[in-house]
Amino acid sequence: MIYLYTMKNSRFILPSLLTAILMVVSGIQATSAQATQTLTVEGVEFAWPDQVYAPQSLEESTNAFLEVSYVNKSGSDFYYVGYSMNDPSGAPFPVFNIKVGVKNSTSGVLPGKMSFMSFLNFTGPGSYPITLCTLKTLGGGTTEICGKSTVTFVTVKPTPPKVVAPSPASPSASQQAKPPVAQVKKTITCAKGKVTKKVTAVNPKCPVGYKKK
């Protein structure tokens, strides 16, 4: 059963009520190339930006979306995939989306509309719980499978680093210069039941409740 996102468990709104929303936001594609968070639920890999700018005005709200992408690698079709959110206190947060009829080996983006009204008096950064769910069939005793993670909202737009042209170095200086030692990041896969999550860091550790695969 698909739940209204405003209910206590903050799941999803009925597909019939979402038709208009999906028509409005269809065609929106992810444009950022920043680091991402990922979570795999029942073979569906969800991904979203590591940091999301929270709109601070009506003008900024015009094109403000939380863009959660999905790739169905499960080998099965799904009745729906989607997500809902809560604020840090646990109350339903009005950023959500759902895609009905997800075929195997398909992918897409689930844009959740954001409004500056949802971030009044928010200074950031702040972590908001996100619940990502899948349902293979409607009825027949099947239930949705969900995984939980967080979305980090910030109120300062990231600025690209300044590019400084290197000054010519003398031959002796070039011979003496040593390249900096880069810290190597590793990616591990953590599992909690049927839910898997990838963690990338210099010294990655699984979240509480997850075990390293």
Protein backbone atom coordinates (compact mmCIF):
# COMPACT_ATOMS: atom_id res chain seq x y z
CA MET A 1 0.00 0.00 0.00
CA ILE A 2 1.26 3.49 -0.83
CA TYR A 3 0.97 5.93 2.05
CA LEU A 4 0.42 9.69 2.12
CA TYR A 5 3.70 11.40 2.90
CA THR A 6 1.95 13.49 5.54
CA MET A 7 1.15 10.45 7.66
CA LYS A 8 3.26 9.52 10.67
CA ASN A 9 5.51 7.08 8.78
CA SER A 10 5.97 9.61 5.94
CA ARG A 11 5.89 7.25 2.99
CA PHE A 12 4.25 8.16 -0.34
CA ILE A 13 1.21 9.85 -1.78
CA LEU A 14 -1.23 7.83 -3.88
CA PRO A 15 -0.12 7.37 -7.52
CA SER A 16 -3.31 8.95 -8.83
CA LEU A 17 -2.60 12.13 -6.89
CA LEU A 18 1.01 12.20 -8.07
CA THR A 19 0.21 12.11 -11.78
CA ALA A 20 0.01 15.90 -12.03
CA ILE A 21 3.21 16.35 -10.04
CA LEU A 22 5.12 13.89 -12.22
CA MET A 23 3.91 15.68 -15.36
CA VAL A 24 5.16 19.01 -14.05
CA VAL A 25 8.60 17.81 -13.04
CA SER A 26 9.17 15.30 -15.85
CA GLY A 27 12.17 15.94 -18.01
CA ILE A 28 14.26 17.52 -15.25
CA GLN A 29 17.77 16.08 -15.26
CA ALA A 30 20.55 16.16 -12.69
CA THR A 31 23.13 18.79 -13.57
CA SER A 32 25.59 18.70 -10.68
CA ALA A 33 28.87 16.82 -10.88
CA GLN A 34 29.65 16.86 -7.17
CA ALA A 35 30.18 13.97 -4.79
CA THR A 36 27.13 11.80 -4.19
CA GLN A 37 25.58 9.56 -1.57
CA THR A 38 24.26 6.17 -2.67
CA LEU A 39 21.93 3.56 -1.22
CA THR A 40 20.79 0.32 -2.86
CA VAL A 41 17.35 -1.09 -2.04
CA GLU A 42 16.27 -4.40 -3.60
CA GLY A 43 18.77 -3.94 -6.44
CA VAL A 44 17.70 -0.34 -7.17
CA GLU A 45 20.61 2.06 -6.67
CA PHE A 46 19.58 5.53 -5.50
CA ALA A 47 22.01 8.47 -5.58
CA TRP A 48 21.80 12.14 -4.56
CA PRO A 49 24.26 15.02 -4.05
CA ASP A 50 26.50 14.98 -1.00
CA GLN A 51 25.33 18.53 -0.23
CA VAL A 52 22.11 20.21 -1.39
CA TYR A 53 21.64 23.96 -1.39
CA ALA A 54 18.49 25.00 0.51
CA PRO A 55 16.73 27.86 -1.32
CA GLN A 56 16.67 31.09 0.69
CA SER A 57 14.17 33.15 -1.30
CA LEU A 58 11.12 32.87 -3.54
CA GLU A 59 13.30 33.49 -6.57
CA GLU A 60 15.71 30.71 -5.63
CA SER A 61 12.77 28.36 -5.06
CA THR A 62 11.70 28.60 -8.70
CA ASN A 63 14.14 25.93 -9.91
CA ALA A 64 15.08 24.32 -6.60
CA PHE A 65 14.88 20.53 -6.63
CA LEU A 66 16.39 17.68 -4.66
CA GLU A 67 17.42 15.36 -7.50
CA VAL A 68 17.52 11.70 -6.51
CA SER A 69 18.54 9.42 -9.38
CA TYR A 70 17.81 5.69 -9.58
CA VAL A 71 19.13 2.77 -11.62
CA ASN A 72 17.22 -0.52 -11.59
CA LYS A 73 19.87 -3.26 -11.55
CA SER A 74 17.65 -5.82 -9.81
CA GLY A 75 16.61 -7.93 -12.80
CA SER A 76 12.96 -7.26 -11.92
CA ASP A 77 10.25 -4.70 -12.66
CA PHE A 78 8.81 -2.54 -9.87
CA TYR A 79 5.36 -1.09 -9.33
CA TYR A 80 7.06 1.99 -7.96
CA VAL A 81 10.32 3.40 -6.60
CA GLY A 82 10.52 6.65 -4.67
CA TYR A 83 11.41 8.51 -1.53
CA SER A 84 10.01 10.68 1.24
CA MET A 85 11.71 12.83 3.87
CA ASN A 86 11.47 14.01 7.45
CA ASP A 87 12.91 17.04 9.17
CA PRO A 88 15.48 16.56 11.97
CA SER A 89 12.68 16.42 14.56
CA GLY A 90 11.04 13.50 12.73
CA ALA A 91 8.08 15.43 11.31
CA PRO A 92 7.15 14.89 7.63
CA PHE A 93 9.15 17.15 5.30
CA PRO A 94 7.46 18.25 2.03
CA VAL A 95 10.17 17.03 -0.35
CA PHE A 96 9.33 13.72 -2.04
CA ASN A 97 8.73 11.96 -5.34
CA ILE A 98 7.73 8.58 -6.74
CA LYS A 99 7.95 6.86 -10.11
CA VAL A 100 5.26 4.32 -10.96
CA GLY A 101 6.13 1.52 -13.39
CA VAL A 102 9.91 1.07 -13.29
CA LYS A 103 11.19 -1.56 -15.70
CA ASN A 104 14.34 -3.60 -15.25
CA SER A 105 17.58 -1.95 -16.45
CA THR A 106 16.02 1.51 -16.58
CA SER A 107 17.12 4.68 -14.83
CA GLY A 108 15.77 8.13 -14.11
CA VAL A 109 15.68 11.15 -11.83
CA LEU A 110 13.15 11.83 -9.06
CA PRO A 111 13.13 15.61 -8.52
CA GLY A 112 11.64 16.76 -5.23
CA LYS A 113 10.44 20.38 -5.32
CA MET A 114 11.91 22.57 -2.59
CA SER A 115 10.59 25.85 -1.22
CA PHE A 116 12.38 28.49 0.83
CA MET A 117 9.38 28.36 3.18
CA SER A 118 10.58 24.93 4.33
CA PHE A 119 13.92 26.39 5.40
CA LEU A 120 12.86 29.48 7.36
CA ASN A 121 15.32 30.11 10.22
CA PHE A 122 17.53 27.29 8.89
CA THR A 123 21.23 28.11 8.99
CA GLY A 124 22.75 24.78 7.93
CA PRO A 125 24.39 22.51 7.39
CA GLY A 126 21.73 20.09 8.58
CA SER A 127 21.02 16.39 8.04
CA TYR A 128 17.46 15.45 7.12
CA PRO A 129 16.34 11.78 7.13
CA ILE A 130 15.36 10.33 3.76
CA THR A 131 13.48 7.04 3.26
CA LEU A 132 13.96 5.34 -0.12
CA CYS A 133 11.48 2.59 -1.00
CA THR A 134 10.58 0.07 -3.69
CA LEU A 135 7.47 -2.05 -4.28
CA LYS A 136 7.44 -4.86 -6.85
CA THR A 137 3.71 -5.49 -7.11
CA LEU A 138 0.54 -3.91 -5.75
CA GLY A 139 -1.32 -6.38 -3.58
CA GLY A 140 -0.66 -10.08 -3.49
CA GLY A 141 0.88 -9.91 -0.07
CA THR A 142 3.97 -8.00 -1.18
CA THR A 143 5.25 -5.12 0.90
CA GLU A 144 7.52 -2.22 0.13
CA ILE A 145 11.18 -2.51 1.04
CA CYS A 146 12.83 0.66 2.36
CA GLY A 147 16.25 1.93 3.31
CA LYS A 148 17.10 5.01 5.33
CA SER A 149 19.83 7.60 4.94
CA THR A 150 20.26 11.38 5.22
CA VAL A 151 20.42 14.43 2.96
CA THR A 152 22.69 17.30 4.00
CA PHE A 153 21.22 20.73 3.29
CA VAL A 154 23.47 23.81 3.26
CA THR A 155 22.76 27.53 2.97
CA VAL A 156 26.02 28.57 1.29
CA LYS A 157 26.36 27.84 -2.40
CA PRO A 158 29.58 26.00 -3.23
CA THR A 159 32.03 28.19 -5.14
CA PRO A 160 34.39 26.70 -7.72
CA PRO A 161 38.07 26.90 -6.78
CA LYS A 162 40.09 29.70 -8.34
CA VAL A 163 42.48 28.61 -11.06
CA VAL A 164 45.91 30.16 -10.62
CA ALA A 165 48.34 29.93 -13.51
CA PRO A 166 51.58 28.31 -12.33
CA SER A 167 54.70 30.43 -12.57
CA PRO A 168 57.62 29.04 -14.59
CA ALA A 169 60.00 27.09 -12.43
CA SER A 170 63.73 26.93 -12.88
CA PRO A 171 65.25 23.55 -13.80
CA SER A 172 66.82 23.21 -10.37
CA ALA A 173 63.54 23.93 -8.60
CA SER A 174 61.71 21.39 -10.78
CA GLN A 175 64.24 18.72 -9.92
CA GLN A 176 63.91 19.41 -6.21
CA ALA A 177 60.12 19.66 -6.10
CA LYS A 178 58.32 16.58 -4.82
CA PRO A 179 54.71 15.84 -5.66
CA PRO A 180 52.31 16.00 -2.69
CA VAL A 181 51.18 12.72 -1.25
CA ALA A 182 47.51 12.29 -2.15
CA GLN A 183 45.21 10.62 0.31
CA VAL A 184 43.63 7.61 -1.32
CA LYS A 185 39.92 7.20 -0.75
CA LYS A 186 38.43 3.73 -0.52
CA THR A 187 34.90 2.53 -1.14
CA ILE A 188 33.35 -0.21 0.97
CA THR A 189 29.92 -1.82 0.76
CA CYS A 190 27.85 -2.09 3.93
CA ALA A 191 24.77 -4.26 4.31
CA LYS A 192 21.75 -4.23 6.62
CA GLY A 193 19.35 -6.97 5.68
CA LYS A 194 18.41 -6.46 2.03
CA VAL A 195 19.70 -2.90 2.00
CA THR A 196 23.26 -2.10 0.87
CA LYS A 197 25.07 1.22 1.09
CA LYS A 198 28.41 2.35 -0.37
CA VAL A 199 30.67 4.49 1.81
CA THR A 200 33.63 6.34 0.29
CA ALA A 201 36.30 7.92 2.51
CA VAL A 202 40.00 7.80 3.38
CA ASN A 203 39.12 5.48 6.26
CA PRO A 204 35.57 4.32 5.47
CA LYS A 205 33.42 2.84 8.20
CA CYS A 206 29.95 1.34 8.03
CA PRO A 207 27.09 3.30 9.67
CA VAL A 208 25.57 2.02 12.89
CA GLY A 209 23.54 -1.11 12.23
CA TYR A 210 25.35 -1.94 8.96
CA LYS A 211 27.97 -4.64 8.45
CA LYS A 212 30.81 -4.60 5.92
CA LYS A 213 30.27 -7.05 3.08
